[in-house]
């Protein structure tokens, strides 16, 4: 088994991930499936990985970036990752989340009108309201649903857009930091201010990086040979593990 993390920036890969490990940041996940499509989102800190084979990753690259770092099953921290439970139509007929769970998710404890607009800040959830399902909330995702993608530039008060896709194909695993496990938030609407608030919440998770040694890395993929050479010069111990995407062949995984 291999786990891959994709990112859209060589700078993020070089100056953050390879130096400090993976920083779990607050992600906004679509939970509208619990109330027949009415907007509802769940926010929690996480780092995402996939076990999708590299040769089947073109759509994943389009959504999450062309820079990849991969680990084999021998990576010690792989045991801290958990696979997602993809919610099917049958799960909706016999709900994983009971009506009182859904009511707790949709509670909103405050409205922000400081700038003349009605905004709904994230509401911190209470574990006692989710008896029996609290531990699985961050690992639920609709089989056919939506993924949040950053726009090249904001449109009005939106900096992100939801894309519909067959999410089960992503074969996603997540790392949720244990010491922030109870800091889950529900969001009934979002805008640029919401995303800024989630960014501020992520500052608290700097103490929970998912670490690795460079010896743990099985493969790194960049876009150009110049980037490969730059990365090898910065991290000589990784030379030989760095590959580039080639439209005519698969990336090598024999390192």
C-alpha atoms as a PDB file:
ATOM      1  CA  UNK A   1       0.000   0.000   0.000  1.00  0.00           C
ATOM      2  CA  UNK A   2       1.213   3.495  -0.862  1.00  0.00           C
ATOM      3  CA  UNK A   3      -0.041   6.882   0.283  1.00  0.00           C
ATOM      4  CA  UNK A   4       0.307  10.040  -1.805  1.00  0.00           C
ATOM      5  CA  UNK A   5      -0.203  13.681  -0.936  1.00  0.00           C
ATOM      6  CA  UNK A   6      -0.784  16.172  -3.770  1.00  0.00           C
ATOM      7  CA  UNK A   7      -0.156  19.910  -3.641  1.00  0.00           C
ATOM      8  CA  UNK A   8      -0.377  22.700  -6.211  1.00  0.00           C
ATOM      9  CA  UNK A   9       2.846  24.476  -5.274  1.00  0.00           C
ATOM     10  CA  UNK A  10       6.494  23.484  -5.519  1.00  0.00           C
ATOM     11  CA  UNK A  11       7.165  26.098  -2.848  1.00  0.00           C
ATOM     12  CA  UNK A  12       4.778  24.333  -0.445  1.00  0.00           C
ATOM     13  CA  UNK A  13       6.486  21.017  -1.122  1.00  0.00           C
ATOM     14  CA  UNK A  14      10.034  22.364  -0.733  1.00  0.00           C
ATOM     15  CA  UNK A  15       9.773  24.939   2.015  1.00  0.00           C
ATOM     16  CA  UNK A  16       7.034  23.513   4.190  1.00  0.00           C
ATOM     17  CA  UNK A  17       6.280  19.808   3.750  1.00  0.00           C
ATOM     18  CA  UNK A  18       9.872  18.611   3.260  1.00  0.00           C
ATOM     19  CA  UNK A  19      11.136  20.808   6.092  1.00  0.00           C
ATOM     20  CA  UNK A  20       8.376  20.633   8.707  1.00  0.00           C
ATOM     21  CA  UNK A  21       6.100  17.738   7.775  1.00  0.00           C
ATOM     22  CA  UNK A  22       2.376  18.003   7.101  1.00  0.00           C
ATOM     23  CA  UNK A  23       0.461  20.800   8.811  1.00  0.00           C
ATOM     24  CA  UNK A  24      -3.181  19.792   9.437  1.00  0.00           C
ATOM     25  CA  UNK A  25      -5.347  22.740   8.450  1.00  0.00           C
ATOM     26  CA  UNK A  26      -9.072  23.257   8.650  1.00  0.00           C
ATOM     27  CA  UNK A  27     -10.900  21.829   5.679  1.00  0.00           C
ATOM     28  CA  UNK A  28     -14.494  22.616   4.770  1.00  0.00           C
ATOM     29  CA  UNK A  29     -16.393  19.479   3.802  1.00  0.00           C
ATOM     30  CA  UNK A  30     -19.818  19.275   2.190  1.00  0.00           C
ATOM     31  CA  UNK A  31     -22.406  17.717   4.529  1.00  0.00           C
ATOM     32  CA  UNK A  32     -25.503  18.830   2.622  1.00  0.00           C
ATOM     33  CA  UNK A  33     -26.366  15.158   2.091  1.00  0.00           C
ATOM     34  CA  UNK A  34     -27.642  14.962   5.688  1.00  0.00           C
ATOM     35  CA  UNK A  35     -30.486  17.391   4.935  1.00  0.00           C
ATOM     36  CA  UNK A  36     -31.542  16.792   1.323  1.00  0.00           C
ATOM     37  CA  UNK A  37     -29.080  19.165  -0.282  1.00  0.00           C
ATOM     38  CA  UNK A  38     -29.657  22.217   1.922  1.00  0.00           C
ATOM     39  CA  UNK A  39     -26.251  23.899   2.493  1.00  0.00           C
ATOM     40  CA  UNK A  40     -24.324  22.479   5.439  1.00  0.00           C
ATOM     41  CA  UNK A  41     -20.590  22.091   5.913  1.00  0.00           C
ATOM     42  CA  UNK A  42     -18.282  20.531   8.477  1.00  0.00           C
ATOM     43  CA  UNK A  43     -14.870  22.039   9.293  1.00  0.00           C
ATOM     44  CA  UNK A  44     -12.019  20.190  10.994  1.00  0.00           C
ATOM     45  CA  UNK A  45      -8.203  20.053  10.800  1.00  0.00           C
ATOM     46  CA  UNK A  46      -6.794  17.363   8.555  1.00  0.00           C
ATOM     47  CA  UNK A  47      -4.159  16.279   6.064  1.00  0.00           C
ATOM     48  CA  UNK A  48      -5.410  14.263   3.098  1.00  0.00           C
ATOM     49  CA  UNK A  49      -3.758  11.390   1.260  1.00  0.00           C
ATOM     50  CA  UNK A  50      -4.824   9.035  -1.493  1.00  0.00           C
ATOM     51  CA  UNK A  51      -3.879   5.487  -2.401  1.00  0.00           C
ATOM     52  CA  UNK A  52      -4.980   6.096  -5.991  1.00  0.00           C
ATOM     53  CA  UNK A  53      -2.378   4.558  -8.358  1.00  0.00           C
ATOM     54  CA  UNK A  54      -0.283   7.235 -10.037  1.00  0.00           C
ATOM     55  CA  UNK A  55      -1.219   6.071 -13.530  1.00  0.00           C
ATOM     56  CA  UNK A  56      -4.881   6.736 -12.697  1.00  0.00           C
ATOM     57  CA  UNK A  57      -4.329  10.142 -11.142  1.00  0.00           C
ATOM     58  CA  UNK A  58      -4.910  12.663 -13.950  1.00  0.00           C
ATOM     59  CA  UNK A  59      -8.234  13.913 -12.562  1.00  0.00           C
ATOM     60  CA  UNK A  60      -6.767  13.997  -9.065  1.00  0.00           C
ATOM     61  CA  UNK A  61      -3.875  16.091 -10.355  1.00  0.00           C
ATOM     62  CA  UNK A  62      -6.284  18.487 -12.041  1.00  0.00           C
ATOM     63  CA  UNK A  63      -8.051  19.096  -8.723  1.00  0.00           C
ATOM     64  CA  UNK A  64      -5.226  18.945  -6.192  1.00  0.00           C
ATOM     65  CA  UNK A  65      -1.986  19.754  -8.001  1.00  0.00           C
ATOM     66  CA  UNK A  66       0.926  18.249  -9.914  1.00  0.00           C
ATOM     67  CA  UNK A  67       3.389  18.000  -7.017  1.00  0.00           C
ATOM     68  CA  UNK A  68       3.304  14.677  -5.201  1.00  0.00           C
ATOM     69  CA  UNK A  69       5.065  13.107  -2.248  1.00  0.00           C
ATOM     70  CA  UNK A  70       4.545   9.411  -1.615  1.00  0.00           C
ATOM     71  CA  UNK A  71       5.158   6.939   1.208  1.00  0.00           C
ATOM     72  CA  UNK A  72       5.155   3.168   1.415  1.00  0.00           C
ATOM     73  CA  UNK A  73       3.380   1.008   3.955  1.00  0.00           C
ATOM     74  CA  UNK A  74       6.569   0.937   6.054  1.00  0.00           C
ATOM     75  CA  UNK A  75       6.135   4.588   7.005  1.00  0.00           C
ATOM     76  CA  UNK A  76       5.523   4.499  10.748  1.00  0.00           C
ATOM     77  CA  UNK A  77       3.018   7.358  10.738  1.00  0.00           C
ATOM     78  CA  UNK A  78       0.863   5.598   8.151  1.00  0.00           C
ATOM     79  CA  UNK A  79      -0.896   3.976  11.112  1.00  0.00           C
ATOM     80  CA  UNK A  80      -2.230   7.433  12.054  1.00  0.00           C
ATOM     81  CA  UNK A  81      -4.166   7.670   8.760  1.00  0.00           C
ATOM     82  CA  UNK A  82      -7.725   6.397   8.444  1.00  0.00           C
ATOM     83  CA  UNK A  83      -9.735   5.681   5.292  1.00  0.00           C
ATOM     84  CA  UNK A  84     -12.942   7.549   4.572  1.00  0.00           C
ATOM     85  CA  UNK A  85     -16.388   6.024   4.777  1.00  0.00           C
ATOM     86  CA  UNK A  86     -18.161   6.927   1.541  1.00  0.00           C
ATOM     87  CA  UNK A  87     -21.856   7.478   2.145  1.00  0.00           C
ATOM     88  CA  UNK A  88     -24.175   5.682  -0.286  1.00  0.00           C
ATOM     89  CA  UNK A  89     -27.883   6.069  -0.974  1.00  0.00           C
ATOM     90  CA  UNK A  90     -28.494   3.084   1.304  1.00  0.00           C
ATOM     91  CA  UNK A  91     -26.775   4.934   4.158  1.00  0.00           C
ATOM     92  CA  UNK A  92     -29.289   7.737   3.628  1.00  0.00           C
ATOM     93  CA  UNK A  93     -32.239   5.336   3.774  1.00  0.00           C
ATOM     94  CA  UNK A  94     -30.901   3.825   6.993  1.00  0.00           C
ATOM     95  CA  UNK A  95     -29.053   6.907   8.229  1.00  0.00           C
ATOM     96  CA  UNK A  96     -25.622   6.778   9.783  1.00  0.00           C
ATOM     97  CA  UNK A  97     -26.565  10.064  11.418  1.00  0.00           C
ATOM     98  CA  UNK A  98     -29.828  10.046  13.339  1.00  0.00           C
ATOM     99  CA  UNK A  99     -32.250  13.022  13.372  1.00  0.00           C
ATOM    100  CA  UNK A 100     -30.825  14.396  16.637  1.00  0.00           C
ATOM    101  CA  UNK A 101     -27.318  14.277  15.149  1.00  0.00           C
ATOM    102  CA  UNK A 102     -28.525  16.242  12.122  1.00  0.00           C
ATOM    103  CA  UNK A 103     -30.214  18.823  14.345  1.00  0.00           C
ATOM    104  CA  UNK A 104     -26.982  19.278  16.292  1.00  0.00           C
ATOM    105  CA  UNK A 105     -25.047  19.784  13.045  1.00  0.00           C
ATOM    106  CA  UNK A 106     -27.378  22.529  11.868  1.00  0.00           C
ATOM    107  CA  UNK A 107     -27.383  24.566  15.069  1.00  0.00           C
ATOM    108  CA  UNK A 108     -26.094  28.102  14.664  1.00  0.00           C
ATOM    109  CA  UNK A 109     -25.174  29.946  17.853  1.00  0.00           C
ATOM    110  CA  UNK A 110     -24.523  33.372  16.408  1.00  0.00           C
ATOM    111  CA  UNK A 111     -24.905  35.728  13.472  1.00  0.00           C
ATOM    112  CA  UNK A 112     -22.256  38.262  12.435  1.00  0.00           C
ATOM    113  CA  UNK A 113     -23.606  41.551  11.044  1.00  0.00           C
ATOM    114  CA  UNK A 114     -20.521  43.677  11.766  1.00  0.00           C
ATOM    115  CA  UNK A 115     -20.023  44.615   8.112  1.00  0.00           C
ATOM    116  CA  UNK A 116     -23.694  45.153   7.325  1.00  0.00           C
ATOM    117  CA  UNK A 117     -24.172  41.659   5.879  1.00  0.00           C
ATOM    118  CA  UNK A 118     -25.644  38.595   7.540  1.00  0.00           C
ATOM    119  CA  UNK A 119     -22.935  36.013   8.075  1.00  0.00           C
ATOM    120  CA  UNK A 120     -22.928  32.741  10.018  1.00  0.00           C
ATOM    121  CA  UNK A 121     -19.666  32.069  11.870  1.00  0.00           C
ATOM    122  CA  UNK A 122     -18.590  28.442  12.366  1.00  0.00           C
ATOM    123  CA  UNK A 123     -20.324  26.825  15.345  1.00  0.00           C
ATOM    124  CA  UNK A 124     -18.238  24.533  17.534  1.00  0.00           C
ATOM    125  CA  UNK A 125     -19.871  21.129  17.903  1.00  0.00           C
ATOM    126  CA  UNK A 126     -20.325  19.357  21.232  1.00  0.00           C
ATOM    127  CA  UNK A 127     -19.247  15.702  21.370  1.00  0.00           C
ATOM    128  CA  UNK A 128     -22.096  14.851  23.764  1.00  0.00           C
ATOM    129  CA  UNK A 129     -24.602  15.689  20.997  1.00  0.00           C
ATOM    130  CA  UNK A 130     -23.146  12.961  18.760  1.00  0.00           C
ATOM    131  CA  UNK A 131     -23.254   9.834  20.886  1.00  0.00           C
ATOM    132  CA  UNK A 132     -21.877   6.874  18.940  1.00  0.00           C
ATOM    133  CA  UNK A 133     -20.895   8.801  15.798  1.00  0.00           C
ATOM    134  CA  UNK A 134     -18.582  11.577  17.022  1.00  0.00           C
ATOM    135  CA  UNK A 135     -15.452   9.586  16.154  1.00  0.00           C
ATOM    136  CA  UNK A 136     -16.524   9.000  12.535  1.00  0.00           C
ATOM    137  CA  UNK A 137     -17.739  12.525  11.600  1.00  0.00           C
ATOM    138  CA  UNK A 138     -14.439  13.674  10.005  1.00  0.00           C
ATOM    139  CA  UNK A 139     -14.243  10.465   7.956  1.00  0.00           C
ATOM    140  CA  UNK A 140     -17.621  10.706   6.217  1.00  0.00           C
ATOM    141  CA  UNK A 141     -17.985  11.799   2.612  1.00  0.00           C
ATOM    142  CA  UNK A 142     -20.724  11.335   0.060  1.00  0.00           C
ATOM    143  CA  UNK A 143     -19.955   8.777  -2.647  1.00  0.00           C
ATOM    144  CA  UNK A 144     -21.087  11.223  -5.334  1.00  0.00           C
ATOM    145  CA  UNK A 145     -20.712  14.716  -3.938  1.00  0.00           C
ATOM    146  CA  UNK A 146     -18.736  17.924  -3.944  1.00  0.00           C
ATOM    147  CA  UNK A 147     -15.164  18.975  -3.320  1.00  0.00           C
ATOM    148  CA  UNK A 148     -14.074  22.523  -2.511  1.00  0.00           C
ATOM    149  CA  UNK A 149     -11.571  24.147  -4.867  1.00  0.00           C
ATOM    150  CA  UNK A 150      -9.913  27.553  -4.606  1.00  0.00           C
ATOM    151  CA  UNK A 151     -10.729  29.976  -7.418  1.00  0.00           C
ATOM    152  CA  UNK A 152      -7.845  31.676  -9.293  1.00  0.00           C
ATOM    153  CA  UNK A 153      -9.339  34.948  -8.027  1.00  0.00           C
ATOM    154  CA  UNK A 154     -12.387  35.640  -5.821  1.00  0.00           C
ATOM    155  CA  UNK A 155     -15.822  36.044  -7.363  1.00  0.00           C
ATOM    156  CA  UNK A 156     -17.735  38.477  -5.215  1.00  0.00           C
ATOM    157  CA  UNK A 157     -17.497  37.168  -1.652  1.00  0.00           C
ATOM    158  CA  UNK A 158     -16.479  33.640  -2.722  1.00  0.00           C
ATOM    159  CA  UNK A 159     -12.863  32.515  -2.894  1.00  0.00           C
ATOM    160  CA  UNK A 160     -13.727  28.836  -3.431  1.00  0.00           C
ATOM    161  CA  UNK A 161     -16.175  26.841  -5.535  1.00  0.00           C
ATOM    162  CA  UNK A 162     -17.717  23.391  -5.099  1.00  0.00           C
ATOM    163  CA  UNK A 163     -17.067  20.865  -7.871  1.00  0.00           C
ATOM    164  CA  UNK A 164     -19.263  17.796  -8.284  1.00  0.00           C
ATOM    165  CA  UNK A 165     -17.416  14.522  -8.726  1.00  0.00           C
ATOM    166  CA  UNK A 166     -17.461  10.833  -7.914  1.00  0.00           C
ATOM    167  CA  UNK A 167     -15.590  11.184  -4.616  1.00  0.00           C
ATOM    168  CA  UNK A 168     -15.205   7.476  -3.918  1.00  0.00           C
ATOM    169  CA  UNK A 169     -12.718   7.369  -6.801  1.00  0.00           C
ATOM    170  CA  UNK A 170     -10.343   9.511  -4.726  1.00  0.00           C
ATOM    171  CA  UNK A 171      -9.590   6.621  -2.324  1.00  0.00           C
ATOM    172  CA  UNK A 172      -8.939   9.185   0.401  1.00  0.00           C
ATOM    173  CA  UNK A 173      -7.298   8.705   3.797  1.00  0.00           C
ATOM    174  CA  UNK A 174      -7.057  11.400   6.470  1.00  0.00           C
ATOM    175  CA  UNK A 175      -4.876  12.369   9.363  1.00  0.00           C
ATOM    176  CA  UNK A 176      -6.849  14.127  12.113  1.00  0.00           C
ATOM    177  CA  UNK A 177      -4.632  15.386  14.974  1.00  0.00           C
ATOM    178  CA  UNK A 178      -5.732  13.756  18.199  1.00  0.00           C
ATOM    179  CA  UNK A 179      -5.224  16.816  20.408  1.00  0.00           C
ATOM    180  CA  UNK A 180      -7.564  18.845  18.168  1.00  0.00           C
ATOM    181  CA  UNK A 181     -10.013  16.012  17.655  1.00  0.00           C
ATOM    182  CA  UNK A 182     -12.833  17.771  19.503  1.00  0.00           C
ATOM    183  CA  UNK A 183     -12.476  21.086  17.662  1.00  0.00           C
ATOM    184  CA  UNK A 184     -15.058  20.380  14.956  1.00  0.00           C
ATOM    185  CA  UNK A 185     -17.268  23.136  13.578  1.00  0.00           C
ATOM    186  CA  UNK A 186     -20.447  23.228  11.520  1.00  0.00           C
ATOM    187  CA  UNK A 187     -21.006  25.947   8.938  1.00  0.00           C
ATOM    188  CA  UNK A 188     -24.418  26.725   7.434  1.00  0.00           C
ATOM    189  CA  UNK A 189     -23.017  29.129   4.831  1.00  0.00           C
ATOM    190  CA  UNK A 190     -19.549  30.250   3.775  1.00  0.00           C
ATOM    191  CA  UNK A 191     -17.817  33.195   2.115  1.00  0.00           C
ATOM    192  CA  UNK A 192     -14.322  34.712   2.082  1.00  0.00           C
ATOM    193  CA  UNK A 193     -14.734  35.763   5.722  1.00  0.00           C
ATOM    194  CA  UNK A 194     -15.556  32.176   6.694  1.00  0.00           C
ATOM    195  CA  UNK A 195     -12.426  30.925   4.965  1.00  0.00           C
ATOM    196  CA  UNK A 196     -10.353  33.573   6.764  1.00  0.00           C
ATOM    197  CA  UNK A 197     -11.793  32.382  10.092  1.00  0.00           C
ATOM    198  CA  UNK A 198     -10.863  28.785   9.281  1.00  0.00           C
ATOM    199  CA  UNK A 199      -7.351  29.982   8.465  1.00  0.00           C
ATOM    200  CA  UNK A 200      -7.096  31.550  11.904  1.00  0.00           C
ATOM    201  CA  UNK A 201      -8.350  28.350  13.513  1.00  0.00           C
ATOM    202  CA  UNK A 202      -5.580  26.481  11.687  1.00  0.00           C
ATOM    203  CA  UNK A 203      -2.951  28.518  13.531  1.00  0.00           C
ATOM    204  CA  UNK A 204      -3.722  26.430  16.630  1.00  0.00           C
ATOM    205  CA  UNK A 205      -2.790  23.177  14.876  1.00  0.00           C
ATOM    206  CA  UNK A 206       0.875  24.077  14.349  1.00  0.00           C
ATOM    207  CA  UNK A 207       1.632  21.784  17.283  1.00  0.00           C
ATOM    208  CA  UNK A 208       0.325  18.736  15.436  1.00  0.00           C
ATOM    209  CA  UNK A 209       2.389  18.302  12.273  1.00  0.00           C
ATOM    210  CA  UNK A 210       2.442  14.801  10.824  1.00  0.00           C
ATOM    211  CA  UNK A 211       6.130  14.088  10.626  1.00  0.00           C
ATOM    212  CA  UNK A 212       8.373  11.906   8.500  1.00  0.00           C
ATOM    213  CA  UNK A 213      12.041  11.456   7.699  1.00  0.00           C
ATOM    214  CA  UNK A 214      13.371  11.785   4.182  1.00  0.00           C
ATOM    215  CA  UNK A 215      14.206   8.096   4.369  1.00  0.00           C
ATOM    216  CA  UNK A 216      10.450   7.454   4.682  1.00  0.00           C
ATOM    217  CA  UNK A 217       9.763   9.097   1.318  1.00  0.00           C
ATOM    218  CA  UNK A 218       9.336   6.606  -1.516  1.00  0.00           C
ATOM    219  CA  UNK A 219       8.793   9.048  -4.376  1.00  0.00           C
ATOM    220  CA  UNK A 220       8.444  12.749  -5.182  1.00  0.00           C
ATOM    221  CA  UNK A 221       7.002  13.972  -8.472  1.00  0.00           C
ATOM    222  CA  UNK A 222       7.495  17.454  -9.911  1.00  0.00           C
ATOM    223  CA  UNK A 223       6.613  18.939 -13.289  1.00  0.00           C
ATOM    224  CA  UNK A 224       9.890  19.830 -15.005  1.00  0.00           C
ATOM    225  CA  UNK A 225      13.432  18.541 -15.015  1.00  0.00           C
ATOM    226  CA  UNK A 226      14.621  21.971 -13.822  1.00  0.00           C
ATOM    227  CA  UNK A 227      12.396  21.547 -10.753  1.00  0.00           C
ATOM    228  CA  UNK A 228      13.790  18.058 -10.209  1.00  0.00           C
ATOM    229  CA  UNK A 229      17.335  19.404 -10.260  1.00  0.00           C
ATOM    230  CA  UNK A 230      16.410  22.283  -7.943  1.00  0.00           C
ATOM    231  CA  UNK A 231      14.824  19.924  -5.440  1.00  0.00           C
ATOM    232  CA  UNK A 232      17.758  17.494  -5.576  1.00  0.00           C
ATOM    233  CA  UNK A 233      20.164  20.361  -4.894  1.00  0.00           C
ATOM    234  CA  UNK A 234      18.126  21.442  -1.848  1.00  0.00           C
ATOM    235  CA  UNK A 235      17.702  17.897  -0.511  1.00  0.00           C
ATOM    236  CA  UNK A 236      20.572  15.699  -1.786  1.00  0.00           C
ATOM    237  CA  UNK A 237      19.346  12.752   0.277  1.00  0.00           C
ATOM    238  CA  UNK A 238      16.239  12.636  -1.915  1.00  0.00           C
ATOM    239  CA  UNK A 239      18.149  12.497  -5.195  1.00  0.00           C
ATOM    240  CA  UNK A 240      17.110   9.323  -6.956  1.00  0.00           C
ATOM    241  CA  UNK A 241      13.590   9.498  -5.555  1.00  0.00           C
ATOM    242  CA  UNK A 242      12.521  12.561  -7.527  1.00  0.00           C
ATOM    243  CA  UNK A 243      10.657  12.034 -10.784  1.00  0.00           C
ATOM    244  CA  UNK A 244       8.890  14.208 -13.339  1.00  0.00           C
ATOM    245  CA  UNK A 245       5.539  13.597 -14.977  1.00  0.00           C
ATOM    246  CA  UNK A 246       5.938  12.373 -18.522  1.00  0.00           C
ATOM    247  CA  UNK A 247       2.930  12.328 -20.837  1.00  0.00           C
ATOM    248  CA  UNK A 248       4.274   9.279 -22.627  1.00  0.00           C
ATOM    249  CA  UNK A 249       5.146   7.086 -19.662  1.00  0.00           C
ATOM    250  CA  UNK A 250       4.241   6.398 -16.073  1.00  0.00           C
ATOM    251  CA  UNK A 251       6.310   7.874 -13.249  1.00  0.00           C
ATOM    252  CA  UNK A 252       8.824   5.333 -11.983  1.00  0.00           C
ATOM    253  CA  UNK A 253       8.085   3.865  -8.564  1.00  0.00           C
ATOM    254  CA  UNK A 254      11.085   1.582  -8.263  1.00  0.00           C
ATOM    255  CA  UNK A 255      12.940   3.593  -5.616  1.00  0.00           C
END
